[in-house]
Amino acid sequence: MATRSPDPIPLTESRRRRTQILQVARSVGFVGRVEYRHVYSQTGGAQYGHGAGEAADLLTVFAEALERAANPDDFSLRAMIAHERGHQLLARHPRLSARLAGVSDAAEEVLASLLGALVVEPGSDRDLLIAKATAELLAAGREAEDAVRLVRELWTTLGELL
């Protein structure tokens, strides 16, 4: 990711981005505050913040999210936000949070991607999130066949729990 600051944008563009991000966040079911920060975060573009209650949760979307989303070979804004919604579901969904409390950071990333895939319509965003979950398992040392099998099992189980 870039280490410099993003170029300044007019107030009208900042408002447009905030509106777009809020609409996407609500469309994938995010509950809580949503903000756009015109800075680089080094986080990939978006971040979920766990609040005292669901209404106090925070989704922060950074400048690189919109830059990445402009690249057709990278994640869309919807996929990035859906992944963060997956983190929220892990923390807040009654059937998930109790069963999955205390999973490792690596496992949480896999689960957040799969949950994000479940909250978007079938298509490229879903496919990319499933591929991200699979890639996380491969990076953790799983064999390809085992990773694919685990993703299928998790997909089915998470779908039943939601």
N, C-alpha and C. Protein backbone atom coordinates (compact mmCIF):
# COMPACT_ATOMS: atom_id res chain seq x y z
N MET A 1 0.83 -1.18 0.00
CA MET A 1 0.00 0.00 0.00
C MET A 1 0.88 1.25 0.00
N ALA A 2 0.27 2.32 -0.41
CA ALA A 2 1.00 3.58 -0.50
C ALA A 2 1.33 4.10 0.90
N THR A 3 2.44 4.81 1.00
CA THR A 3 2.82 5.40 2.27
C THR A 3 2.63 6.92 2.26
N ARG A 4 2.41 7.49 1.10
CA ARG A 4 2.18 8.92 1.01
C ARG A 4 0.72 9.23 1.35
N SER A 5 0.36 10.47 1.39
CA SER A 5 -1.02 10.87 1.63
C SER A 5 -1.76 10.92 0.30
N PRO A 6 -3.07 10.65 0.33
CA PRO A 6 -3.83 10.77 -0.92
C PRO A 6 -3.93 12.23 -1.34
N ASP A 7 -4.08 12.45 -2.61
CA ASP A 7 -4.28 13.81 -3.10
C ASP A 7 -5.57 14.37 -2.51
N PRO A 8 -5.60 15.65 -2.22
CA PRO A 8 -6.82 16.26 -1.69
C PRO A 8 -7.98 16.11 -2.68
N ILE A 9 -9.18 16.06 -2.14
CA ILE A 9 -10.39 15.99 -2.98
C ILE A 9 -11.33 17.11 -2.56
N PRO A 10 -12.17 17.56 -3.49
CA PRO A 10 -13.14 18.61 -3.13
C PRO A 10 -14.17 18.08 -2.13
N LEU A 11 -14.78 18.99 -1.41
CA LEU A 11 -15.80 18.63 -0.44
C LEU A 11 -16.94 17.84 -1.08
N THR A 12 -17.31 18.19 -2.31
CA THR A 12 -18.39 17.48 -2.98
C THR A 12 -18.01 16.01 -3.22
N GLU A 13 -16.76 15.74 -3.55
CA GLU A 13 -16.31 14.36 -3.74
C GLU A 13 -16.27 13.61 -2.42
N SER A 14 -15.86 14.28 -1.37
CA SER A 14 -15.86 13.65 -0.05
C SER A 14 -17.28 13.26 0.35
N ARG A 15 -18.22 14.13 0.12
CA ARG A 15 -19.63 13.83 0.44
C ARG A 15 -20.15 12.68 -0.41
N ARG A 16 -19.79 12.67 -1.70
CA ARG A 16 -20.22 11.59 -2.59
C ARG A 16 -19.68 10.25 -2.08
N ARG A 17 -18.43 10.24 -1.68
CA ARG A 17 -17.82 9.00 -1.17
C ARG A 17 -18.51 8.54 0.10
N ARG A 18 -18.79 9.46 1.00
CA ARG A 18 -19.47 9.10 2.25
C ARG A 18 -20.84 8.50 1.96
N THR A 19 -21.57 9.10 1.06
CA THR A 19 -22.89 8.61 0.70
C THR A 19 -22.81 7.21 0.09
N GLN A 20 -21.89 7.04 -0.84
CA GLN A 20 -21.71 5.74 -1.49
C GLN A 20 -21.34 4.66 -0.47
N ILE A 21 -20.41 4.96 0.40
CA ILE A 21 -19.96 3.99 1.41
C ILE A 21 -21.10 3.63 2.35
N LEU A 22 -21.86 4.62 2.79
CA LEU A 22 -22.99 4.36 3.68
C LEU A 22 -24.03 3.47 3.00
N GLN A 23 -24.32 3.75 1.74
CA GLN A 23 -25.29 2.93 1.01
C GLN A 23 -24.82 1.48 0.88
N VAL A 24 -23.56 1.29 0.56
CA VAL A 24 -23.02 -0.07 0.44
C VAL A 24 -23.05 -0.77 1.80
N ALA A 25 -22.63 -0.07 2.84
CA ALA A 25 -22.59 -0.66 4.18
C ALA A 25 -23.98 -1.12 4.61
N ARG A 26 -24.97 -0.28 4.40
CA ARG A 26 -26.34 -0.65 4.78
C ARG A 26 -26.86 -1.79 3.92
N SER A 27 -26.47 -1.83 2.65
CA SER A 27 -26.96 -2.88 1.76
C SER A 27 -26.44 -4.27 2.14
N VAL A 28 -25.30 -4.33 2.83
CA VAL A 28 -24.78 -5.64 3.28
C VAL A 28 -25.12 -5.88 4.75
N GLY A 29 -25.90 -4.99 5.34
CA GLY A 29 -26.41 -5.20 6.68
C GLY A 29 -25.59 -4.62 7.81
N PHE A 30 -24.59 -3.79 7.51
CA PHE A 30 -23.78 -3.23 8.59
C PHE A 30 -24.65 -2.35 9.48
N VAL A 31 -24.51 -2.54 10.79
CA VAL A 31 -25.23 -1.75 11.78
C VAL A 31 -24.20 -0.96 12.57
N GLY A 32 -24.46 0.32 12.75
CA GLY A 32 -23.54 1.17 13.51
C GLY A 32 -23.13 2.37 12.69
N ARG A 33 -22.07 3.01 13.15
CA ARG A 33 -21.58 4.21 12.49
C ARG A 33 -20.69 3.84 11.30
N VAL A 34 -20.75 4.66 10.28
CA VAL A 34 -19.95 4.46 9.07
C VAL A 34 -19.26 5.78 8.77
N GLU A 35 -17.94 5.71 8.53
CA GLU A 35 -17.23 6.94 8.21
C GLU A 35 -16.23 6.71 7.08
N TYR A 36 -15.96 7.79 6.39
CA TYR A 36 -14.91 7.78 5.36
C TYR A 36 -13.79 8.68 5.86
N ARG A 37 -12.56 8.17 5.77
CA ARG A 37 -11.39 8.97 6.14
C ARG A 37 -10.49 9.06 4.93
N HIS A 38 -10.21 10.26 4.52
CA HIS A 38 -9.38 10.48 3.33
C HIS A 38 -7.90 10.45 3.71
N VAL A 39 -7.49 9.29 4.19
CA VAL A 39 -6.10 9.01 4.53
C VAL A 39 -5.82 7.57 4.11
N TYR A 40 -4.53 7.23 4.03
CA TYR A 40 -4.15 5.85 3.79
C TYR A 40 -3.99 5.15 5.14
N SER A 41 -4.48 3.95 5.22
CA SER A 41 -4.51 3.26 6.51
C SER A 41 -3.52 2.12 6.62
N GLN A 42 -3.07 1.58 5.51
CA GLN A 42 -2.22 0.39 5.50
C GLN A 42 -2.98 -0.84 5.97
N THR A 43 -4.32 -0.81 5.97
CA THR A 43 -5.13 -1.94 6.42
C THR A 43 -5.80 -2.68 5.27
N GLY A 44 -5.64 -2.23 4.08
CA GLY A 44 -6.33 -2.84 2.97
C GLY A 44 -7.50 -2.01 2.48
N GLY A 45 -7.95 -1.07 3.29
CA GLY A 45 -8.97 -0.16 2.81
C GLY A 45 -10.15 0.07 3.73
N ALA A 46 -10.45 -0.89 4.60
CA ALA A 46 -11.58 -0.72 5.51
C ALA A 46 -11.28 -1.46 6.81
N GLN A 47 -11.95 -1.02 7.86
CA GLN A 47 -11.69 -1.63 9.16
C GLN A 47 -12.96 -1.59 10.02
N TYR A 48 -13.22 -2.71 10.69
CA TYR A 48 -14.34 -2.81 11.62
C TYR A 48 -13.85 -2.51 13.02
N GLY A 49 -14.60 -1.66 13.72
CA GLY A 49 -14.30 -1.36 15.12
C GLY A 49 -15.46 -1.79 15.99
N HIS A 50 -15.18 -2.65 16.96
CA HIS A 50 -16.18 -3.20 17.86
C HIS A 50 -16.52 -2.18 18.94
N GLY A 51 -17.77 -1.75 18.98
CA GLY A 51 -18.20 -0.77 19.97
C GLY A 51 -18.81 -1.41 21.19
N ALA A 52 -19.29 -0.58 22.12
CA ALA A 52 -19.91 -1.07 23.34
C ALA A 52 -21.20 -1.83 23.05
N GLY A 53 -21.84 -1.49 21.96
CA GLY A 53 -23.04 -2.17 21.48
C GLY A 53 -23.05 -2.08 19.97
N GLU A 54 -23.93 -2.85 19.34
CA GLU A 54 -23.95 -2.88 17.88
C GLU A 54 -24.10 -1.49 17.27
N ALA A 55 -24.94 -0.66 17.85
CA ALA A 55 -25.13 0.69 17.32
C ALA A 55 -23.88 1.54 17.43
N ALA A 56 -22.97 1.16 18.32
CA ALA A 56 -21.72 1.91 18.49
C ALA A 56 -20.57 1.31 17.68
N ASP A 57 -20.83 0.21 16.97
CA ASP A 57 -19.79 -0.34 16.10
C ASP A 57 -19.43 0.70 15.05
N LEU A 58 -18.23 0.60 14.52
CA LEU A 58 -17.74 1.58 13.56
C LEU A 58 -17.12 0.89 12.36
N LEU A 59 -17.54 1.28 11.19
CA LEU A 59 -16.91 0.87 9.94
C LEU A 59 -16.20 2.09 9.40
N THR A 60 -14.88 1.99 9.28
CA THR A 60 -14.10 3.08 8.71
C THR A 60 -13.57 2.63 7.36
N VAL A 61 -13.85 3.41 6.35
CA VAL A 61 -13.36 3.14 5.00
C VAL A 61 -12.36 4.22 4.67
N PHE A 62 -11.20 3.81 4.17
CA PHE A 62 -10.10 4.72 3.90
C PHE A 62 -9.93 4.95 2.40
N ALA A 63 -9.12 5.93 2.07
CA ALA A 63 -8.92 6.34 0.67
C ALA A 63 -8.48 5.18 -0.22
N GLU A 64 -7.60 4.29 0.29
CA GLU A 64 -7.13 3.22 -0.59
C GLU A 64 -8.23 2.25 -0.99
N ALA A 65 -9.32 2.19 -0.22
CA ALA A 65 -10.43 1.31 -0.60
C ALA A 65 -11.02 1.76 -1.94
N LEU A 66 -11.19 3.06 -2.10
CA LEU A 66 -11.75 3.56 -3.35
C LEU A 66 -10.75 3.45 -4.49
N GLU A 67 -9.48 3.59 -4.18
CA GLU A 67 -8.46 3.40 -5.22
C GLU A 67 -8.41 1.94 -5.65
N ARG A 68 -8.46 1.03 -4.69
CA ARG A 68 -8.46 -0.40 -5.02
C ARG A 68 -9.72 -0.76 -5.80
N ALA A 69 -10.84 -0.22 -5.39
CA ALA A 69 -12.11 -0.54 -6.04
C ALA A 69 -12.14 -0.07 -7.50
N ALA A 70 -11.36 0.94 -7.81
CA ALA A 70 -11.30 1.44 -9.19
C ALA A 70 -10.53 0.49 -10.11
N ASN A 71 -9.78 -0.44 -9.52
CA ASN A 71 -9.00 -1.41 -10.28
C ASN A 71 -9.86 -2.66 -10.48
N PRO A 72 -10.22 -3.00 -11.72
CA PRO A 72 -11.10 -4.15 -11.94
C PRO A 72 -10.48 -5.48 -11.53
N ASP A 73 -9.17 -5.52 -11.31
CA ASP A 73 -8.50 -6.75 -10.89
C ASP A 73 -8.37 -6.85 -9.37
N ASP A 74 -8.93 -5.91 -8.64
CA ASP A 74 -8.84 -5.90 -7.19
C ASP A 74 -10.25 -6.02 -6.61
N PHE A 75 -10.36 -5.98 -5.29
CA PHE A 75 -11.65 -6.09 -4.63
C PHE A 75 -12.49 -4.86 -4.87
N SER A 76 -13.78 -5.07 -5.01
CA SER A 76 -14.72 -3.96 -5.13
C SER A 76 -14.96 -3.38 -3.74
N LEU A 77 -15.52 -2.19 -3.71
CA LEU A 77 -15.88 -1.57 -2.45
C LEU A 77 -16.88 -2.46 -1.70
N ARG A 78 -17.83 -3.03 -2.41
CA ARG A 78 -18.84 -3.91 -1.80
C ARG A 78 -18.16 -5.11 -1.14
N ALA A 79 -17.20 -5.72 -1.81
CA ALA A 79 -16.52 -6.90 -1.25
C ALA A 79 -15.73 -6.51 0.00
N MET A 80 -15.06 -5.36 -0.03
CA MET A 80 -14.29 -4.93 1.14
C MET A 80 -15.21 -4.67 2.33
N ILE A 81 -16.31 -4.00 2.08
CA ILE A 81 -17.25 -3.69 3.15
C ILE A 81 -17.95 -4.95 3.64
N ALA A 82 -18.28 -5.86 2.74
CA ALA A 82 -18.91 -7.12 3.13
C ALA A 82 -17.98 -7.92 4.04
N HIS A 83 -16.68 -7.90 3.75
CA HIS A 83 -15.71 -8.58 4.62
C HIS A 83 -15.76 -7.99 6.03
N GLU A 84 -15.85 -6.68 6.13
CA GLU A 84 -15.92 -6.04 7.45
C GLU A 84 -17.25 -6.36 8.12
N ARG A 85 -18.32 -6.48 7.34
CA ARG A 85 -19.61 -6.92 7.90
C ARG A 85 -19.46 -8.34 8.45
N GLY A 86 -18.63 -9.16 7.79
CA GLY A 86 -18.36 -10.49 8.31
C GLY A 86 -17.74 -10.44 9.69
N HIS A 87 -16.80 -9.50 9.90
CA HIS A 87 -16.21 -9.33 11.24
C HIS A 87 -17.30 -8.95 12.25
N GLN A 88 -18.21 -8.06 11.83
CA GLN A 88 -19.29 -7.65 12.73
C GLN A 88 -20.18 -8.84 13.07
N LEU A 89 -20.51 -9.65 12.09
CA LEU A 89 -21.34 -10.83 12.35
C LEU A 89 -20.65 -11.78 13.32
N LEU A 90 -19.36 -11.96 13.15
CA LEU A 90 -18.62 -12.83 14.08
C LEU A 90 -18.72 -12.32 15.52
N ALA A 91 -18.69 -11.01 15.67
CA ALA A 91 -18.73 -10.42 17.00
C ALA A 91 -20.14 -10.29 17.55
N ARG A 92 -21.12 -10.11 16.69
CA ARG A 92 -22.46 -9.73 17.16
C ARG A 92 -23.56 -10.76 16.97
N HIS A 93 -23.45 -11.63 16.00
CA HIS A 93 -24.54 -12.58 15.73
C HIS A 93 -24.61 -13.58 16.87
N PRO A 94 -25.77 -13.72 17.50
CA PRO A 94 -25.86 -14.58 18.69
C PRO A 94 -25.41 -16.03 18.46
N ARG A 95 -25.75 -16.60 17.33
CA ARG A 95 -25.39 -17.99 17.08
C ARG A 95 -23.92 -18.15 16.69
N LEU A 96 -23.33 -17.10 16.14
CA LEU A 96 -21.93 -17.18 15.72
C LEU A 96 -20.97 -16.78 16.83
N SER A 97 -21.26 -15.68 17.50
CA SER A 97 -20.30 -15.15 18.48
C SER A 97 -20.04 -16.15 19.60
N ALA A 98 -21.06 -16.84 20.05
CA ALA A 98 -20.87 -17.81 21.14
C ALA A 98 -20.05 -19.01 20.67
N ARG A 99 -20.28 -19.47 19.46
CA ARG A 99 -19.58 -20.66 18.96
C ARG A 99 -18.16 -20.37 18.51
N LEU A 100 -17.90 -19.14 18.10
CA LEU A 100 -16.61 -18.84 17.47
C LEU A 100 -15.76 -17.87 18.28
N ALA A 101 -16.14 -17.63 19.52
CA ALA A 101 -15.35 -16.73 20.38
C ALA A 101 -13.95 -17.30 20.56
N GLY A 102 -12.97 -16.44 20.46
CA GLY A 102 -11.60 -16.84 20.73
C GLY A 102 -10.87 -17.53 19.59
N VAL A 103 -11.43 -17.48 18.37
CA VAL A 103 -10.69 -18.06 17.25
C VAL A 103 -9.46 -17.21 16.97
N SER A 104 -8.49 -17.80 16.32
CA SER A 104 -7.26 -17.07 15.99
C SER A 104 -7.56 -15.95 15.00
N ASP A 105 -6.62 -15.01 14.90
CA ASP A 105 -6.77 -13.92 13.93
C ASP A 105 -6.88 -14.48 12.51
N ALA A 106 -6.08 -15.49 12.19
CA ALA A 106 -6.11 -16.08 10.85
C ALA A 106 -7.47 -16.72 10.57
N ALA A 107 -8.00 -17.44 11.56
CA ALA A 107 -9.31 -18.07 11.39
C ALA A 107 -10.40 -17.01 11.25
N GLU A 108 -10.28 -15.92 12.00
CA GLU A 108 -11.27 -14.86 11.90
C GLU A 108 -11.29 -14.25 10.50
N GLU A 109 -10.14 -14.10 9.88
CA GLU A 109 -10.09 -13.55 8.52
C GLU A 109 -10.80 -14.48 7.53
N VAL A 110 -10.59 -15.78 7.68
CA VAL A 110 -11.27 -16.76 6.81
C VAL A 110 -12.77 -16.67 7.02
N LEU A 111 -13.20 -16.68 8.27
CA LEU A 111 -14.62 -16.64 8.58
C LEU A 111 -15.26 -15.33 8.14
N ALA A 112 -14.57 -14.21 8.33
CA ALA A 112 -15.12 -12.91 7.92
C ALA A 112 -15.31 -12.86 6.40
N SER A 113 -14.38 -13.44 5.66
CA SER A 113 -14.53 -13.45 4.20
C SER A 113 -15.71 -14.31 3.79
N LEU A 114 -15.88 -15.46 4.42
CA LEU A 114 -17.00 -16.33 4.06
C LEU A 114 -18.33 -15.71 4.47
N LEU A 115 -18.38 -15.09 5.64
CA LEU A 115 -19.60 -14.41 6.04
C LEU A 115 -19.89 -13.23 5.12
N GLY A 116 -18.86 -12.51 4.73
CA GLY A 116 -19.04 -11.44 3.76
C GLY A 116 -19.60 -11.97 2.45
N ALA A 117 -19.12 -13.13 2.03
CA ALA A 117 -19.62 -13.74 0.79
C ALA A 117 -21.09 -14.12 0.92
N LEU A 118 -21.49 -14.50 2.13
CA LEU A 118 -22.89 -14.87 2.34
C LEU A 118 -23.84 -13.68 2.31
N VAL A 119 -23.33 -12.46 2.58
CA VAL A 119 -24.22 -11.30 2.62
C VAL A 119 -24.27 -10.53 1.31
N VAL A 120 -23.50 -10.97 0.31
CA VAL A 120 -23.58 -10.34 -1.01
C VAL A 120 -24.27 -11.29 -1.98
N GLU A 121 -24.77 -10.73 -3.04
CA GLU A 121 -25.42 -11.53 -4.07
C GLU A 121 -24.41 -12.42 -4.77
N PRO A 122 -24.87 -13.54 -5.33
CA PRO A 122 -23.95 -14.35 -6.14
C PRO A 122 -23.34 -13.50 -7.25
N GLY A 123 -22.08 -13.74 -7.52
CA GLY A 123 -21.38 -12.98 -8.55
C GLY A 123 -19.92 -12.80 -8.18
N SER A 124 -19.29 -11.82 -8.81
CA SER A 124 -17.85 -11.66 -8.66
C SER A 124 -17.43 -11.30 -7.23
N ASP A 125 -18.23 -10.49 -6.52
CA ASP A 125 -17.86 -10.15 -5.15
C ASP A 125 -17.85 -11.40 -4.27
N ARG A 126 -18.88 -12.21 -4.40
CA ARG A 126 -18.95 -13.45 -3.63
C ARG A 126 -17.77 -14.36 -3.99
N ASP A 127 -17.52 -14.49 -5.27
CA ASP A 127 -16.42 -15.35 -5.72
C ASP A 127 -15.07 -14.89 -5.17
N LEU A 128 -14.84 -13.58 -5.18
CA LEU A 128 -13.58 -13.04 -4.66
C LEU A 128 -13.44 -13.26 -3.16
N LEU A 129 -14.51 -13.14 -2.42
CA LEU A 129 -14.44 -13.34 -0.98
C LEU A 129 -14.20 -14.82 -0.63
N ILE A 130 -14.80 -15.71 -1.40
CA ILE A 130 -14.55 -17.13 -1.19
C ILE A 130 -13.10 -17.46 -1.55
N ALA A 131 -12.62 -16.88 -2.63
CA ALA A 131 -11.22 -17.09 -3.02
C ALA A 131 -10.28 -16.53 -1.96
N LYS A 132 -10.63 -15.39 -1.36
CA LYS A 132 -9.80 -14.80 -0.30
C LYS A 132 -9.74 -15.75 0.90
N ALA A 133 -10.88 -16.33 1.27
CA ALA A 133 -10.90 -17.27 2.39
C ALA A 133 -10.01 -18.48 2.08
N THR A 134 -10.09 -18.97 0.87
CA THR A 134 -9.28 -20.12 0.46
C THR A 134 -7.80 -19.76 0.48
N ALA A 135 -7.47 -18.59 -0.03
CA ALA A 135 -6.07 -18.14 -0.04
C ALA A 135 -5.52 -17.99 1.37
N GLU A 136 -6.34 -17.53 2.31
CA GLU A 136 -5.91 -17.41 3.70
C GLU A 136 -5.56 -18.79 4.27
N LEU A 137 -6.36 -19.79 3.93
CA LEU A 137 -6.07 -21.15 4.40
C LEU A 137 -4.79 -21.69 3.78
N LEU A 138 -4.61 -21.42 2.50
CA LEU A 138 -3.37 -21.86 1.82
C LEU A 138 -2.16 -21.17 2.44
N ALA A 139 -2.28 -19.89 2.75
CA ALA A 139 -1.18 -19.15 3.36
C ALA A 139 -0.86 -19.68 4.76
N ALA A 140 -1.87 -20.26 5.40
CA ALA A 140 -1.67 -20.82 6.74
C ALA A 140 -1.08 -22.23 6.69
N GLY A 141 -0.84 -22.73 5.46
CA GLY A 141 -0.18 -24.02 5.32
C GLY A 141 -1.07 -25.19 4.96
N ARG A 142 -2.34 -24.94 4.72
CA ARG A 142 -3.24 -26.02 4.32
C ARG A 142 -2.94 -26.45 2.89
N GLU A 143 -3.11 -27.72 2.63
CA GLU A 143 -3.01 -28.23 1.26
C GLU A 143 -4.23 -27.75 0.49
N ALA A 144 -4.09 -27.61 -0.83
CA ALA A 144 -5.16 -27.05 -1.65
C ALA A 144 -6.46 -27.83 -1.51
N GLU A 145 -6.39 -29.13 -1.59
CA GLU A 145 -7.61 -29.96 -1.50
C GLU A 145 -8.27 -29.80 -0.14
N ASP A 146 -7.47 -29.75 0.92
CA ASP A 146 -7.98 -29.58 2.27
C ASP A 146 -8.61 -28.19 2.43
N ALA A 147 -7.97 -27.17 1.87
CA ALA A 147 -8.49 -25.81 1.96
C ALA A 147 -9.85 -25.70 1.28
N VAL A 148 -9.97 -26.27 0.10
CA VAL A 148 -11.25 -26.23 -0.63
C VAL A 148 -12.33 -26.97 0.14
N ARG A 149 -11.99 -28.14 0.69
CA ARG A 149 -12.96 -28.92 1.47
C ARG A 149 -13.41 -28.12 2.70
N LEU A 150 -12.47 -27.50 3.39
CA LEU A 150 -12.80 -26.73 4.59
C LEU A 150 -13.68 -25.53 4.26
N VAL A 151 -13.37 -24.85 3.18
CA VAL A 151 -14.20 -23.70 2.77
C VAL A 151 -15.63 -24.17 2.49
N ARG A 152 -15.77 -25.29 1.80
CA ARG A 152 -17.13 -25.82 1.52
C ARG A 152 -17.87 -26.15 2.80
N GLU A 153 -17.18 -26.79 3.74
CA GLU A 153 -17.82 -27.15 5.01
C GLU A 153 -18.21 -25.90 5.80
N LEU A 154 -17.31 -24.95 5.87
CA LEU A 154 -17.60 -23.71 6.59
C LEU A 154 -18.74 -22.95 5.93
N TRP A 155 -18.75 -22.92 4.61
CA TRP A 155 -19.81 -22.23 3.86
C TRP A 155 -21.18 -22.80 4.26
N THR A 156 -21.27 -24.11 4.28
CA THR A 156 -22.53 -24.76 4.62
C THR A 156 -22.91 -24.48 6.07
N THR A 157 -21.98 -24.63 6.98
CA THR A 157 -22.25 -24.43 8.40
C THR A 157 -22.63 -22.98 8.69
N LEU A 158 -21.86 -22.03 8.16
CA LEU A 158 -22.17 -20.62 8.40
C LEU A 158 -23.53 -20.24 7.81
N GLY A 159 -23.82 -20.75 6.62
CA GLY A 159 -25.12 -20.48 6.01
C GLY A 159 -26.27 -20.99 6.87
N GLU A 160 -26.08 -22.14 7.50
CA GLU A 160 -27.12 -22.67 8.39
C GLU A 160 -27.25 -21.86 9.66
N LEU A 161 -26.15 -21.33 10.17
CA LEU A 161 -26.18 -20.55 11.41
C LEU A 161 -26.78 -19.17 11.22
N LEU A 162 -26.62 -18.62 10.01
CA LEU A 162 -27.20 -17.28 9.77
C LEU A 162 -28.69 -17.43 9.59
